[in-house]
Every structure is written in structure tokens, then in C-alpha cells.
């Protein structure tokens, strides 16, 4: 009787160990994927910040050129009058 219980417990233990090994493999794969996605996200965030800076530079240049254009128009109107 003890031998049957021992064999049954041994079988359960082997199955449990196999399940744990599978969970460890799954966890390793998920950790690797998470790290890869985190690196891609950081790269994308860096690109986004760079683009934002470029947009800010273009907006500043646009504003400066608009003001310069307005000044030149006023100068031209003053010369005409």
C-alpha cells in the first residue's frame, strides 16, 4: 500500500516539476520579450522627443520669419506713403 502511495506521490511530484519547468521557461520568454519591447519603447520615445524638438525649431523659425515679413511690409507701406 505504501509503495502505491509512494509511486502516486512520485508521479505527482514529477508532473509538478515539469509544470514548474514549463512556467520558468514561459517566464524567461516573457521577460526577454518585455525587455525587447522596453528597449523599442525607449528608442521610440527618443525619436518622439527629437521630432518634438524639430517641430519647436520650425515653429520658432516660422514665427521669426512672419514677424520679419510683417516688419518689411510695414516698411514698404511707410515708404509708399
Protein backbone atom coordinates (compact mmCIF):
# COMPACT_ATOMS: atom_id res chain seq x y z
CA UNK A 1 0.00 0.00 0.00
CA UNK A 2 2.78 2.43 0.88
CA UNK A 3 4.51 1.56 -2.37
CA UNK A 4 1.43 2.57 -4.39
CA UNK A 5 1.09 5.83 -2.45
CA UNK A 6 4.80 6.50 -2.89
CA UNK A 7 4.56 5.82 -6.64
CA UNK A 8 1.49 8.09 -6.92
CA UNK A 9 3.21 10.88 -4.99
CA UNK A 10 6.35 10.47 -7.07
CA UNK A 11 4.29 10.79 -10.24
CA UNK A 12 2.55 13.90 -8.90
CA UNK A 13 5.91 15.38 -7.96
CA UNK A 14 7.33 14.70 -11.42
CA UNK A 15 4.30 16.36 -13.03
CA UNK A 16 4.59 19.33 -10.69
CA UNK A 17 8.29 19.70 -11.52
CA UNK A 18 7.52 19.52 -15.24
CA UNK A 19 4.86 22.22 -14.79
CA UNK A 20 7.31 24.40 -12.86
CA UNK A 21 9.96 23.96 -15.55
CA UNK A 22 7.41 25.00 -18.17
CA UNK A 23 6.43 28.04 -16.13
CA UNK A 24 10.08 29.02 -15.72
CA UNK A 25 10.62 28.74 -19.49
CA UNK A 26 7.48 30.81 -20.14
CA UNK A 27 8.62 33.40 -17.61
CA UNK A 28 12.06 33.61 -19.24
CA UNK A 29 10.49 34.09 -22.66
CA UNK A 30 8.11 36.76 -21.35
CA UNK A 31 10.94 38.56 -19.57
CA UNK A 32 13.00 38.57 -22.75
CA UNK A 33 10.06 39.88 -24.77
CA UNK A 34 9.34 42.55 -22.14
CA UNK A 35 12.95 43.72 -22.22
CA UNK A 36 12.91 43.84 -26.01
CA UNK A 37 9.68 45.84 -26.05
CA UNK A 38 11.00 48.19 -23.37
CA UNK A 39 14.10 48.89 -25.49
CA UNK A 40 11.93 49.57 -28.55
CA UNK A 41 9.73 51.90 -26.49
CA UNK A 42 12.74 53.83 -25.22
CA UNK A 43 14.02 54.19 -28.78
CA UNK A 44 10.60 55.38 -29.97
CA UNK A 45 10.38 57.87 -27.09
CA UNK A 46 13.79 59.25 -28.05
CA UNK A 47 12.63 59.65 -31.65
CA UNK A 48 9.47 61.37 -30.46
CA UNK A 49 11.45 63.83 -28.36
CA UNK A 50 13.73 64.57 -31.32
CA UNK A 51 10.74 65.18 -33.58
CA UNK A 52 9.16 67.42 -30.96
CA UNK A 53 12.34 69.50 -30.81
CA UNK A 54 12.42 69.76 -34.60
CA UNK A 55 8.79 70.89 -34.65
CA UNK A 56 9.55 73.50 -31.99
CA UNK A 57 12.51 74.76 -34.05
CA UNK A 58 10.38 75.02 -37.19
CA UNK A 59 7.63 76.85 -35.27
CA UNK A 60 10.20 79.30 -33.90
CA UNK A 61 11.62 79.92 -37.39
CA UNK A 62 8.09 80.38 -38.77
CA UNK A 63 7.25 82.95 -36.08
CA UNK A 64 10.51 84.81 -36.65
CA UNK A 65 10.01 84.91 -40.43
CA UNK A 66 6.39 86.02 -40.02
CA UNK A 67 7.45 88.90 -37.77
CA UNK A 68 10.23 89.87 -40.18
CA UNK A 69 7.78 89.75 -43.08
CA UNK A 70 5.33 91.97 -41.20
CA UNK A 71 8.11 94.47 -40.43
CA UNK A 72 9.17 94.56 -44.08
CA UNK A 73 5.57 95.08 -45.21
CA UNK A 74 5.18 97.97 -42.78
CA UNK A 75 8.46 99.50 -44.01
CA UNK A 76 7.28 99.18 -47.62
CA UNK A 77 3.92 100.81 -46.79
CA UNK A 78 5.68 103.62 -44.94
CA UNK A 79 7.88 104.28 -47.99
CA UNK A 80 4.84 104.36 -50.27
CA UNK A 81 3.08 106.95 -48.17
